[in-house]
Amino acid sequence: MWKSAKLGDLMSIARGGSPRPIKSYITDKDDGINWIKIGDTEEGEKYIKSTKQKIKPSGINHSRFVKKGDFILSNSMSFGRPYILKVDGCIHDGWLVLSNYENKFHADYLYYLLSSSIVKNQFDDLARGSTVRNLNIDIVSRVKVVYPPLAEQKSILSKLDETFAEIDNLMDSNKNKIKLIEKLKFQILNSKLNNSNYVYKNTSIGAICELVYGKGLDKSDRKEGSGIPAFGANGIKCFTTKYIYDKPSIVVGRKGSAGELKYVKEPFWALDVTYFIKHNSKLVNLKYLYYLLKLQNLPSLAKGVKPGINRNEVYSIPILLPTLEKQRIIAKEIDSAFKQFEIINKLEKLKLENCEKLKMSLLNEKLQSKVA
């Protein structure tokens, strides 16, 4: 017999907490408590198996201790994404924890339920209208679900697991193709930019371009929907009527997604977590410079608690520069090859999206039934 209830009536729901200042509680000692952060999650994984940091035992009094088998939901980033804990530890206030559900749910069944559009749509509806789109205890507690007895849950799980295993094999194949494309792109960059048949000039990144600090935007200058794009460390963050630079350039993530690159053709604004590039057009072709920087793996230069890139380190990178005309030819050849890769990449990503939709459709079909 299927029953209907709100999540808050079926389990305990609580919010994490952060000892402050957190730097004072981080420790490398053996008695440290696992400090669970969003960075400890892996794409596509349903478990959190380890943490990168630990906090002092005294931090427990200012945080929320969670146990293996508990569920945690991100209440902002990866909005509502569930994870099952494989470790004990503490969570900060960016997490909600769901526990004491065992009398009502098999863990894997609850994972599927929380991942389904049945629950996600309610998260969206209940969070709509708030200034910041996030979850809280009240929202999660009010979500309504229907669920069968534990024995029937196991039967449903058996069928779902078998079907999902087949779909996941297809998805793994798609993901491997996407990874292979990235490797091939790197190989092309390396072969085109380091060809021993060319005549090169020894120089450095700092001799051919300048990395200029971006600037913050006042709230009054931010626009929604359209206008001049304002770039953050990893893409467009908002729009404005102003522009910081009116020529084609390259935006480089300075903090956050440090080292991420974006080739920009139109006027733009670069926010203060970025650099934008002014180049010597008599020495270097801008598109060639973009590919040259891609080859340097700038994200690997990021350092610090909030990883950032020092432009002087970028300036000091030695490079071999062919003639300007040869640069234009090489950049055009790379463009042509990358366009072909992009077609394949989009196709593989579309296949992944369709697999995810199929899984969601199957979930909704299996997890819904008439309530007696």
Protein backbone atom coordinates (compact mmCIF):
# COMPACT_ATOMS: atom_id res chain seq x y z
CA MET A 1 0.00 0.00 0.00
CA TRP A 2 1.52 3.31 -1.13
CA LYS A 3 1.37 6.19 1.33
CA SER A 4 1.57 9.97 0.96
CA ALA A 5 3.39 12.34 3.32
CA LYS A 6 5.68 15.36 3.56
CA LEU A 7 9.42 14.77 3.85
CA GLY A 8 9.47 16.62 7.16
CA ASP A 9 7.14 13.99 8.64
CA LEU A 10 9.26 11.09 7.39
CA MET A 11 12.77 12.04 8.52
CA SER A 12 14.92 14.55 10.41
CA ILE A 13 16.05 17.61 8.43
CA ALA A 14 18.67 20.04 9.71
CA ARG A 15 21.07 22.69 8.43
CA GLY A 16 24.83 22.68 8.72
CA GLY A 17 26.90 25.30 10.48
CA SER A 18 30.35 26.84 10.12
CA PRO A 19 32.85 27.45 12.93
CA ARG A 20 34.28 30.93 12.39
CA PRO A 21 36.80 32.00 11.39
CA ILE A 22 37.06 28.68 9.55
CA LYS A 23 40.82 29.13 8.98
CA SER A 24 41.35 28.83 12.72
CA TYR A 25 39.69 25.41 12.77
CA ILE A 26 41.34 23.76 9.77
CA THR A 27 43.83 21.08 10.87
CA ASP A 28 46.09 18.34 9.51
CA LYS A 29 46.19 16.39 12.77
CA ASP A 30 45.03 12.77 12.97
CA ASP A 31 42.17 13.63 15.33
CA GLY A 32 40.69 16.08 12.81
CA ILE A 33 37.04 15.76 11.77
CA ASN A 34 36.18 15.49 8.07
CA TRP A 35 35.06 18.91 6.76
CA ILE A 36 32.58 18.20 3.94
CA LYS A 37 32.41 20.77 1.13
CA ILE A 38 30.90 20.95 -2.35
CA GLY A 39 34.44 20.50 -3.71
CA ASP A 40 34.44 16.97 -2.28
CA THR A 41 31.71 15.91 -4.69
CA GLU A 42 32.35 14.35 -8.09
CA GLU A 43 30.20 14.87 -11.17
CA GLY A 44 27.71 12.04 -11.61
CA GLU A 45 28.58 10.43 -8.24
CA LYS A 46 25.94 9.80 -5.60
CA TYR A 47 28.40 9.26 -2.73
CA ILE A 48 30.83 11.49 -0.87
CA LYS A 49 33.67 9.17 0.05
CA SER A 50 36.42 11.49 1.31
CA THR A 51 37.20 15.12 2.13
CA LYS A 52 40.12 17.37 1.28
CA GLN A 53 40.12 19.16 4.64
CA LYS A 54 39.54 18.46 8.32
CA ILE A 55 38.59 20.67 11.23
CA LYS A 56 39.58 20.52 14.89
CA PRO A 57 37.28 18.46 17.16
CA SER A 58 36.31 21.70 18.92
CA GLY A 59 34.66 22.82 15.66
CA ILE A 60 31.87 20.25 16.13
CA ASN A 61 30.21 22.54 18.68
CA HIS A 62 29.86 25.23 16.02
CA SER A 63 28.90 23.00 13.12
CA ARG A 64 26.66 20.00 12.35
CA PHE A 65 28.05 16.48 12.76
CA VAL A 66 26.75 14.00 10.17
CA LYS A 67 27.19 10.24 9.82
CA LYS A 68 27.70 7.60 7.16
CA GLY A 69 24.39 6.88 5.47
CA ASP A 70 23.00 10.39 5.99
CA PHE A 71 21.89 12.37 2.95
CA ILE A 72 23.10 15.90 2.36
CA LEU A 73 21.57 18.41 -0.06
CA SER A 74 23.31 21.50 -1.35
CA ASN A 75 21.05 24.45 -0.56
CA SER A 76 22.58 26.81 -3.12
CA MET A 77 25.19 25.49 -5.61
CA SER A 78 23.99 22.33 -7.43
CA PHE A 79 20.61 23.30 -6.02
CA GLY A 80 18.95 20.31 -4.29
CA ARG A 81 21.45 17.72 -5.55
CA PRO A 82 21.45 14.77 -3.10
CA TYR A 83 24.56 12.90 -1.94
CA ILE A 84 24.85 9.87 0.35
CA LEU A 85 27.67 10.06 2.88
CA LYS A 86 30.28 7.32 3.04
CA VAL A 87 32.16 9.24 5.75
CA ASP A 88 31.38 10.85 9.10
CA GLY A 89 32.13 14.55 9.37
CA CYS A 90 30.84 18.10 9.75
CA ILE A 91 28.91 20.21 7.23
CA HIS A 92 28.77 23.98 6.81
CA ASP A 93 25.60 26.04 6.37
CA GLY A 94 25.60 25.45 2.61
CA TRP A 95 24.28 21.94 3.28
CA LEU A 96 21.09 20.40 4.63
CA VAL A 97 21.24 16.92 6.19
CA LEU A 98 18.46 14.31 5.99
CA SER A 99 18.68 11.48 8.53
CA ASN A 100 16.56 8.93 10.44
CA TYR A 101 14.75 7.87 7.28
CA GLU A 102 15.52 4.13 7.48
CA ASN A 103 12.07 3.05 8.74
CA LYS A 104 10.43 4.56 5.67
CA PHE A 105 12.99 4.40 2.86
CA HIS A 106 15.70 2.20 1.45
CA ALA A 107 18.71 4.54 0.95
CA ASP A 108 18.95 3.93 -2.80
CA TYR A 109 15.21 4.42 -3.26
CA LEU A 110 15.37 7.73 -1.38
CA TYR A 111 18.29 8.78 -3.58
CA TYR A 112 16.26 8.11 -6.72
CA LEU A 113 13.25 9.91 -5.25
CA LEU A 114 15.25 13.03 -4.31
CA SER A 115 16.86 13.00 -7.77
CA SER A 116 13.53 12.78 -9.61
CA SER A 117 11.62 15.67 -11.16
CA ILE A 118 8.80 14.79 -8.73
CA VAL A 119 10.90 16.34 -5.96
CA LYS A 120 13.00 18.77 -7.98
CA ASN A 121 9.94 20.52 -9.40
CA GLN A 122 8.62 21.03 -5.88
CA PHE A 123 11.98 22.45 -4.79
CA ASP A 124 11.75 24.95 -7.66
CA ASP A 125 8.12 25.87 -6.96
CA LEU A 126 8.62 26.29 -3.21
CA ALA A 127 11.83 28.33 -3.65
CA ARG A 128 10.31 30.59 -6.33
CA GLY A 129 9.90 34.21 -5.29
CA SER A 130 12.80 34.28 -2.84
CA THR A 131 15.54 36.83 -3.51
CA VAL A 132 18.20 34.13 -3.57
CA ARG A 133 17.23 30.74 -5.04
CA ASN A 134 18.18 28.27 -2.34
CA LEU A 135 16.77 25.57 -0.11
CA ASN A 136 16.01 25.68 3.58
CA ILE A 137 14.57 23.30 6.16
CA ASP A 138 11.03 24.58 5.66
CA ILE A 139 11.08 24.09 1.87
CA VAL A 140 12.44 20.54 2.03
CA SER A 141 10.07 19.63 4.88
CA ARG A 142 7.03 20.69 2.81
CA VAL A 143 7.84 18.52 -0.22
CA LYS A 144 5.11 15.88 -0.72
CA VAL A 145 5.97 12.36 -1.82
CA VAL A 146 4.22 9.02 -2.29
CA TYR A 147 6.13 5.90 -1.38
CA PRO A 148 5.58 2.13 -1.19
CA PRO A 149 6.51 -0.29 1.62
CA LEU A 150 10.20 -1.18 1.97
CA ALA A 151 9.75 -4.60 0.35
CA GLU A 152 8.22 -3.03 -2.77
CA GLN A 153 10.96 -0.37 -2.83
CA LYS A 154 13.53 -3.16 -3.16
CA SER A 155 11.62 -4.65 -6.09
CA ILE A 156 11.49 -1.27 -7.84
CA LEU A 157 15.19 -0.71 -7.16
CA SER A 158 16.09 -4.03 -8.76
CA LYS A 159 14.34 -3.06 -12.01
CA LEU A 160 15.70 0.49 -12.03
CA ASP A 161 19.27 -0.60 -11.31
CA GLU A 162 19.23 -3.08 -14.18
CA THR A 163 17.88 -0.54 -16.67
CA PHE A 164 20.07 2.29 -15.42
CA ALA A 165 23.19 0.13 -15.72
CA GLU A 166 22.55 -0.21 -19.45
CA ILE A 167 21.95 3.53 -19.85
CA ASP A 168 25.03 4.35 -17.77
CA ASN A 169 27.17 2.19 -20.06
CA LEU A 170 25.99 4.27 -23.02
CA MET A 171 26.71 7.48 -21.08
CA ASP A 172 30.20 6.29 -20.17
CA SER A 173 30.87 5.73 -23.87
CA ASN A 174 29.73 9.28 -24.66
CA LYS A 175 31.85 10.73 -21.83
CA ASN A 176 34.91 8.83 -23.04
CA LYS A 177 34.44 10.25 -26.54
CA ILE A 178 34.22 13.77 -25.11
CA LYS A 179 37.44 13.17 -23.14
CA LEU A 180 39.11 11.82 -26.27
CA ILE A 181 38.12 14.97 -28.17
CA GLU A 182 39.83 17.11 -25.51
CA LYS A 183 42.99 15.02 -25.82
CA LEU A 184 42.96 15.34 -29.60
CA LYS A 185 42.49 19.10 -29.33
CA PHE A 186 45.54 19.33 -27.09
CA GLN A 187 47.55 17.19 -29.49
CA ILE A 188 46.62 19.47 -32.39
CA LEU A 189 47.55 22.57 -30.38
CA ASN A 190 50.88 21.04 -29.50
CA SER A 191 51.71 19.93 -33.05
CA LYS A 192 50.61 23.20 -34.68
CA LEU A 193 52.26 25.52 -32.16
CA ASN A 194 55.51 23.55 -31.80
CA ASN A 195 56.38 22.65 -35.39
CA SER A 196 60.13 22.29 -35.89
CA ASN A 197 59.79 23.35 -39.54
CA TYR A 198 58.94 26.93 -38.58
CA VAL A 199 61.39 29.75 -37.87
CA TYR A 200 60.79 30.99 -34.34
CA LYS A 201 61.71 34.03 -32.29
CA ASN A 202 62.52 33.41 -28.61
CA THR A 203 60.39 35.64 -26.40
CA SER A 204 57.90 35.49 -23.48
CA ILE A 205 54.20 36.07 -22.89
CA GLY A 206 54.97 39.36 -21.12
CA ALA A 207 56.81 40.70 -24.18
CA ILE A 208 53.81 40.41 -26.49
CA CYS A 209 50.79 41.25 -24.32
CA GLU A 210 49.51 42.83 -21.10
CA LEU A 211 47.04 41.30 -18.65
CA VAL A 212 44.86 44.17 -17.42
CA TYR A 213 42.84 43.94 -14.20
CA GLY A 214 39.06 43.90 -14.66
CA LYS A 215 36.78 46.09 -12.52
CA GLY A 216 33.66 45.54 -10.47
CA LEU A 217 30.29 46.84 -11.62
CA ASP A 218 27.92 48.89 -9.47
CA LYS A 219 24.46 47.37 -9.06
CA SER A 220 22.98 50.31 -10.91
CA ASP A 221 25.11 49.45 -13.96
CA ARG A 222 24.04 45.80 -14.09
CA LYS A 223 21.31 44.91 -16.59
CA GLU A 224 19.31 41.74 -17.08
CA GLY A 225 18.91 39.87 -20.33
CA SER A 226 20.89 41.80 -22.92
CA GLY A 227 23.46 44.54 -23.48
CA ILE A 228 27.24 44.53 -23.15
CA PRO A 229 28.35 41.19 -21.67
CA ALA A 230 30.20 41.38 -18.34
CA PHE A 231 32.57 38.44 -17.94
CA GLY A 232 33.45 36.75 -14.67
CA ALA A 233 36.12 34.10 -14.25
CA ASN A 234 34.14 31.51 -16.20
CA GLY A 235 31.80 33.21 -18.65
CA ILE A 236 29.12 35.90 -18.77
CA LYS A 237 27.80 36.85 -15.32
CA CYS A 238 25.56 39.77 -16.23
CA PHE A 239 25.06 42.56 -18.78
CA THR A 240 25.64 46.32 -18.71
CA THR A 241 25.41 49.40 -20.93
CA LYS A 242 29.11 50.13 -20.36
CA TYR A 243 32.18 48.52 -21.84
CA ILE A 244 35.69 48.29 -20.49
CA TYR A 245 37.22 47.40 -23.87
CA ASP A 246 35.86 47.75 -27.39
CA LYS A 247 38.24 45.50 -29.35
CA PRO A 248 38.53 41.71 -29.69
CA SER A 249 40.39 40.37 -26.69
CA ILE A 250 40.87 37.41 -24.38
CA VAL A 251 39.34 37.30 -20.89
CA VAL A 252 41.39 35.30 -18.38
CA GLY A 253 39.98 34.06 -15.06
CA ARG A 254 42.06 35.62 -12.28
CA LYS A 255 40.21 34.20 -9.25
CA GLY A 256 37.54 31.56 -8.94
CA SER A 257 37.84 29.60 -12.20
CA ALA A 258 41.41 30.86 -12.43
CA GLY A 259 43.07 30.39 -15.80
CA GLU A 260 39.85 29.87 -17.77
CA LEU A 261 40.02 31.59 -21.16
CA LYS A 262 37.34 33.25 -23.27
CA TYR A 263 37.95 34.71 -26.74
CA VAL A 264 35.73 37.80 -27.03
CA LYS A 265 35.03 39.50 -30.36
CA GLU A 266 32.65 42.31 -29.34
CA PRO A 267 32.88 45.17 -26.77
CA PHE A 268 32.73 43.76 -23.23
CA TRP A 269 33.18 44.43 -19.54
CA ALA A 270 35.67 42.37 -17.52
CA LEU A 271 34.76 41.96 -13.85
CA ASP A 272 37.33 42.22 -11.06
CA VAL A 273 37.90 38.46 -10.85
CA THR A 274 39.39 38.53 -14.35
CA TYR A 275 42.15 39.95 -16.50
CA PHE A 276 41.65 41.02 -20.08
CA ILE A 277 44.42 41.10 -22.65
CA LYS A 278 45.90 43.96 -24.62
CA HIS A 279 48.30 42.57 -27.21
CA ASN A 280 50.96 43.93 -29.53
CA SER A 281 49.29 43.32 -32.90
CA LYS A 282 52.62 43.84 -34.70
CA LEU A 283 54.09 40.83 -32.91
CA VAL A 284 51.23 38.44 -32.27
CA ASN A 285 47.92 37.45 -33.81
CA LEU A 286 45.23 37.51 -31.10
CA LYS A 287 43.66 34.16 -32.02
CA TYR A 288 47.13 32.59 -32.14
CA LEU A 289 47.79 34.04 -28.68
CA TYR A 290 44.53 32.51 -27.43
CA TYR A 291 45.59 29.04 -28.58
CA LEU A 292 49.09 29.61 -27.24
CA LEU A 293 47.66 30.36 -23.80
CA LYS A 294 45.38 27.31 -24.00
CA LEU A 295 48.47 25.19 -24.47
CA GLN A 296 50.09 26.61 -21.31
CA ASN A 297 47.43 25.12 -18.97
CA LEU A 298 47.06 28.36 -16.98
CA PRO A 299 44.72 26.80 -14.34
CA SER A 300 47.76 24.85 -13.07
CA LEU A 301 49.33 28.18 -12.00
CA ALA A 302 46.49 28.97 -9.56
CA LYS A 303 47.59 29.21 -5.92
CA GLY A 304 46.17 30.15 -2.53
CA VAL A 305 43.13 29.31 -0.36
CA LYS A 306 40.94 31.01 -2.98
CA PRO A 307 43.05 29.96 -5.97
CA GLY A 308 44.22 32.86 -8.10
CA ILE A 309 46.72 33.54 -10.88
CA ASN A 310 49.55 36.05 -10.59
CA ARG A 311 49.99 37.76 -13.96
CA ASN A 312 53.76 38.04 -13.47
CA GLU A 313 53.95 34.24 -13.56
CA VAL A 314 52.08 34.29 -16.86
CA TYR A 315 54.40 37.01 -18.21
CA SER A 316 57.48 34.91 -17.46
CA ILE A 317 56.33 31.91 -19.55
CA PRO A 318 58.87 31.46 -22.40
CA ILE A 319 57.46 31.00 -25.90
CA LEU A 320 58.65 30.52 -29.47
CA LEU A 321 56.91 32.90 -31.87
CA PRO A 322 56.79 32.36 -35.66
CA THR A 323 56.19 35.18 -38.14
CA LEU A 324 52.90 37.06 -37.95
CA GLU A 325 51.73 35.64 -41.28
CA LYS A 326 52.52 32.09 -40.15
CA GLN A 327 50.59 32.75 -36.91
CA ARG A 328 47.49 33.72 -38.91
CA ILE A 329 47.74 30.54 -40.99
CA ILE A 330 48.23 28.32 -37.93
CA ALA A 331 45.32 29.96 -36.05
CA LYS A 332 43.07 29.42 -39.09
CA GLU A 333 44.06 25.74 -39.33
CA ILE A 334 43.36 25.20 -35.62
CA ASP A 335 40.00 27.00 -35.96
CA SER A 336 39.00 24.67 -38.79
CA ALA A 337 39.96 21.52 -36.87
CA PHE A 338 38.27 22.68 -33.66
CA LYS A 339 35.00 23.43 -35.51
CA GLN A 340 34.84 19.80 -36.61
CA PHE A 341 35.53 18.66 -33.05
CA GLU A 342 32.79 20.96 -31.77
CA ILE A 343 30.22 19.32 -34.05
CA ILE A 344 31.13 15.88 -32.66
CA ASN A 345 31.25 17.25 -29.10
CA LYS A 346 27.73 18.73 -29.37
CA LEU A 347 26.40 15.44 -30.72
CA GLU A 348 27.89 13.45 -27.83
CA LYS A 349 26.56 15.95 -25.28
CA LEU A 350 23.12 15.74 -26.88
CA LYS A 351 23.24 11.95 -26.48
CA LEU A 352 24.14 12.43 -22.80
CA GLU A 353 21.21 14.82 -22.33
CA ASN A 354 18.83 12.34 -23.96
CA CYS A 355 20.10 9.56 -21.68
CA GLU A 356 19.50 11.77 -18.63
CA LYS A 357 15.96 12.55 -19.87
CA LEU A 358 15.30 8.84 -20.36
CA LYS A 359 16.48 8.10 -16.82
CA MET A 360 14.28 10.87 -15.43
CA SER A 361 11.27 9.57 -17.38
CA LEU A 362 11.81 6.06 -16.03
CA LEU A 363 12.22 7.43 -12.50
CA ASN A 364 8.96 9.34 -12.67
CA GLU A 365 7.14 6.30 -14.02
CA LYS A 366 8.44 3.94 -11.34
CA LEU A 367 8.20 6.31 -8.36
CA GLN A 368 4.59 7.35 -8.82
CA SER A 369 1.53 5.29 -7.97
CA LYS A 370 -1.98 5.70 -6.68
CA VAL A 371 -2.22 6.31 -2.97
CA ALA A 372 -4.55 3.89 -1.24
